[in-house]
């Protein structure tokens, strides 16, 4: 996963220094993330937010968070996953609106 993040960072054009500043970690930590094949998905999501891009797919999220065994998801679990994503998006949108008042 770390190499996928590294590719996204390198293709973004943003410097490692700028990213480390925004993540509030050292440059060395960023390079350690790049070398981590099992990088935590929460860290990947922080990179996605900074880079304004998607690094991991919907399928990877569902397998890793809702279904670690990789079993087929039921309709209920998939609905719960999308409901949580929707609520999160609404909360972030509301926060943005409040910040721009």
C-alpha atoms as a PDB file:
ATOM      1  CA  UNK A   1       0.000   0.000   0.000  1.00  0.00           C
ATOM      2  CA  UNK A   2       2.892   2.344   0.746  1.00  0.00           C
ATOM      3  CA  UNK A   3       4.150   2.197  -2.841  1.00  0.00           C
ATOM      4  CA  UNK A   4       0.666   3.088  -4.082  1.00  0.00           C
ATOM      5  CA  UNK A   5       0.689   6.151  -1.838  1.00  0.00           C
ATOM      6  CA  UNK A   6       4.177   7.040  -3.044  1.00  0.00           C
ATOM      7  CA  UNK A   7       3.052   6.884  -6.675  1.00  0.00           C
ATOM      8  CA  UNK A   8       0.095   9.155  -5.896  1.00  0.00           C
ATOM      9  CA  UNK A   9       2.355  11.630  -4.082  1.00  0.00           C
ATOM     10  CA  UNK A  10       4.937  11.706  -6.854  1.00  0.00           C
ATOM     11  CA  UNK A  11       2.321  12.174  -9.565  1.00  0.00           C
ATOM     12  CA  UNK A  12       0.623  14.968  -7.586  1.00  0.00           C
ATOM     13  CA  UNK A  13       3.579  17.317  -7.934  1.00  0.00           C
ATOM     14  CA  UNK A  14       3.335  18.285  -4.249  1.00  0.00           C
ATOM     15  CA  UNK A  15       6.626  18.230  -2.381  1.00  0.00           C
ATOM     16  CA  UNK A  16       7.363  15.771   0.388  1.00  0.00           C
ATOM     17  CA  UNK A  17       8.084  18.743   2.649  1.00  0.00           C
ATOM     18  CA  UNK A  18       4.647  20.241   2.021  1.00  0.00           C
ATOM     19  CA  UNK A  19       2.937  16.916   2.618  1.00  0.00           C
ATOM     20  CA  UNK A  20       4.895  16.256   5.812  1.00  0.00           C
ATOM     21  CA  UNK A  21       3.907  19.724   7.044  1.00  0.00           C
ATOM     22  CA  UNK A  22       0.221  19.123   6.309  1.00  0.00           C
ATOM     23  CA  UNK A  23       0.298  15.677   7.954  1.00  0.00           C
ATOM     24  CA  UNK A  24       2.303  17.073  10.875  1.00  0.00           C
ATOM     25  CA  UNK A  25       4.961  14.362  10.557  1.00  0.00           C
ATOM     26  CA  UNK A  26       8.622  14.371   9.566  1.00  0.00           C
ATOM     27  CA  UNK A  27       9.865  13.771   6.037  1.00  0.00           C
ATOM     28  CA  UNK A  28      11.448  10.544   7.327  1.00  0.00           C
ATOM     29  CA  UNK A  29       8.014   9.361   8.445  1.00  0.00           C
ATOM     30  CA  UNK A  30       6.649  10.015   4.957  1.00  0.00           C
ATOM     31  CA  UNK A  31       9.408   7.855   3.464  1.00  0.00           C
ATOM     32  CA  UNK A  32       8.678   5.160   6.081  1.00  0.00           C
ATOM     33  CA  UNK A  33       5.040   5.235   4.974  1.00  0.00           C
ATOM     34  CA  UNK A  34       6.164   4.689   1.386  1.00  0.00           C
ATOM     35  CA  UNK A  35       8.076   1.554   2.426  1.00  0.00           C
ATOM     36  CA  UNK A  36       5.198   0.086   4.470  1.00  0.00           C
ATOM     37  CA  UNK A  37       3.362  -2.598   2.455  1.00  0.00           C
ATOM     38  CA  UNK A  38       0.571  -2.715   5.061  1.00  0.00           C
ATOM     39  CA  UNK A  39       0.116   1.018   5.597  1.00  0.00           C
ATOM     40  CA  UNK A  40      -2.889   1.774   7.777  1.00  0.00           C
ATOM     41  CA  UNK A  41      -5.909   2.837   5.725  1.00  0.00           C
ATOM     42  CA  UNK A  42      -6.528   5.833   7.974  1.00  0.00           C
ATOM     43  CA  UNK A  43      -3.115   7.185   6.990  1.00  0.00           C
ATOM     44  CA  UNK A  44      -3.887   6.537   3.328  1.00  0.00           C
ATOM     45  CA  UNK A  45      -7.114   8.484   3.728  1.00  0.00           C
ATOM     46  CA  UNK A  46      -5.153  11.428   5.171  1.00  0.00           C
ATOM     47  CA  UNK A  47      -2.996  11.405   2.043  1.00  0.00           C
ATOM     48  CA  UNK A  48      -6.131  11.291  -0.106  1.00  0.00           C
ATOM     49  CA  UNK A  49      -7.517  14.344   1.654  1.00  0.00           C
ATOM     50  CA  UNK A  50      -4.319  16.332   1.176  1.00  0.00           C
ATOM     51  CA  UNK A  51      -3.795  15.267  -2.438  1.00  0.00           C
ATOM     52  CA  UNK A  52      -7.487  15.566  -3.362  1.00  0.00           C
ATOM     53  CA  UNK A  53      -7.375  12.193  -5.059  1.00  0.00           C
ATOM     54  CA  UNK A  54      -8.526   8.637  -4.519  1.00  0.00           C
ATOM     55  CA  UNK A  55      -5.709   6.220  -3.713  1.00  0.00           C
ATOM     56  CA  UNK A  56      -7.683   3.185  -2.584  1.00  0.00           C
ATOM     57  CA  UNK A  57     -10.744   1.759  -4.253  1.00  0.00           C
ATOM     58  CA  UNK A  58     -14.198   1.217  -2.778  1.00  0.00           C
ATOM     59  CA  UNK A  59     -13.578  -2.530  -2.833  1.00  0.00           C
ATOM     60  CA  UNK A  60     -10.385  -2.197  -0.791  1.00  0.00           C
ATOM     61  CA  UNK A  61     -12.197  -0.088   1.798  1.00  0.00           C
ATOM     62  CA  UNK A  62     -15.041  -2.539   2.181  1.00  0.00           C
ATOM     63  CA  UNK A  63     -12.740  -5.550   2.431  1.00  0.00           C
ATOM     64  CA  UNK A  64     -10.435  -3.912   4.950  1.00  0.00           C
ATOM     65  CA  UNK A  65     -12.972  -2.168   7.181  1.00  0.00           C
ATOM     66  CA  UNK A  66     -16.205  -4.091   6.933  1.00  0.00           C
ATOM     67  CA  UNK A  67     -15.027  -7.497   5.862  1.00  0.00           C
ATOM     68  CA  UNK A  68     -11.461  -8.362   6.863  1.00  0.00           C
ATOM     69  CA  UNK A  69     -11.886 -12.005   5.862  1.00  0.00           C
ATOM     70  CA  UNK A  70     -12.747 -11.045   2.286  1.00  0.00           C
ATOM     71  CA  UNK A  71     -16.095 -12.829   2.379  1.00  0.00           C
ATOM     72  CA  UNK A  72     -18.849 -11.606   0.026  1.00  0.00           C
ATOM     73  CA  UNK A  73     -20.706  -8.675   1.548  1.00  0.00           C
ATOM     74  CA  UNK A  74     -24.375  -8.881   2.309  1.00  0.00           C
ATOM     75  CA  UNK A  75     -26.707  -6.179   1.042  1.00  0.00           C
ATOM     76  CA  UNK A  76     -27.118  -4.940   4.615  1.00  0.00           C
ATOM     77  CA  UNK A  77     -23.396  -4.502   5.153  1.00  0.00           C
ATOM     78  CA  UNK A  78     -22.952  -2.743   1.840  1.00  0.00           C
ATOM     79  CA  UNK A  79     -25.872  -0.410   2.642  1.00  0.00           C
ATOM     80  CA  UNK A  80     -24.351   0.336   6.053  1.00  0.00           C
ATOM     81  CA  UNK A  81     -21.013   1.104   4.417  1.00  0.00           C
ATOM     82  CA  UNK A  82     -22.548   3.614   1.990  1.00  0.00           C
ATOM     83  CA  UNK A  83     -24.744   5.135   4.706  1.00  0.00           C
ATOM     84  CA  UNK A  84     -21.647   5.806   6.825  1.00  0.00           C
ATOM     85  CA  UNK A  85     -19.833   7.324   3.832  1.00  0.00           C
ATOM     86  CA  UNK A  86     -22.843   9.550   3.094  1.00  0.00           C
ATOM     87  CA  UNK A  87     -23.103  10.772   6.688  1.00  0.00           C
ATOM     88  CA  UNK A  88     -19.375  11.500   6.767  1.00  0.00           C
ATOM     89  CA  UNK A  89     -19.643  13.495   3.550  1.00  0.00           C
ATOM     90  CA  UNK A  90     -22.597  15.491   4.893  1.00  0.00           C
ATOM     91  CA  UNK A  91     -20.709  16.283   8.091  1.00  0.00           C
ATOM     92  CA  UNK A  92     -17.669  17.500   6.156  1.00  0.00           C
ATOM     93  CA  UNK A  93     -19.869  19.582   3.847  1.00  0.00           C
ATOM     94  CA  UNK A  94     -21.631  21.174   6.824  1.00  0.00           C
ATOM     95  CA  UNK A  95     -18.252  21.946   8.399  1.00  0.00           C
ATOM     96  CA  UNK A  96     -17.063  23.618   5.195  1.00  0.00           C
ATOM     97  CA  UNK A  97     -20.211  25.746   5.057  1.00  0.00           C
ATOM     98  CA  UNK A  98     -19.748  26.820   8.655  1.00  0.00           C
ATOM     99  CA  UNK A  99     -16.110  27.711   8.054  1.00  0.00           C
ATOM    100  CA  UNK A 100     -16.980  29.965   5.098  1.00  0.00           C
ATOM    101  CA  UNK A 101     -19.597  32.049   6.919  1.00  0.00           C
END
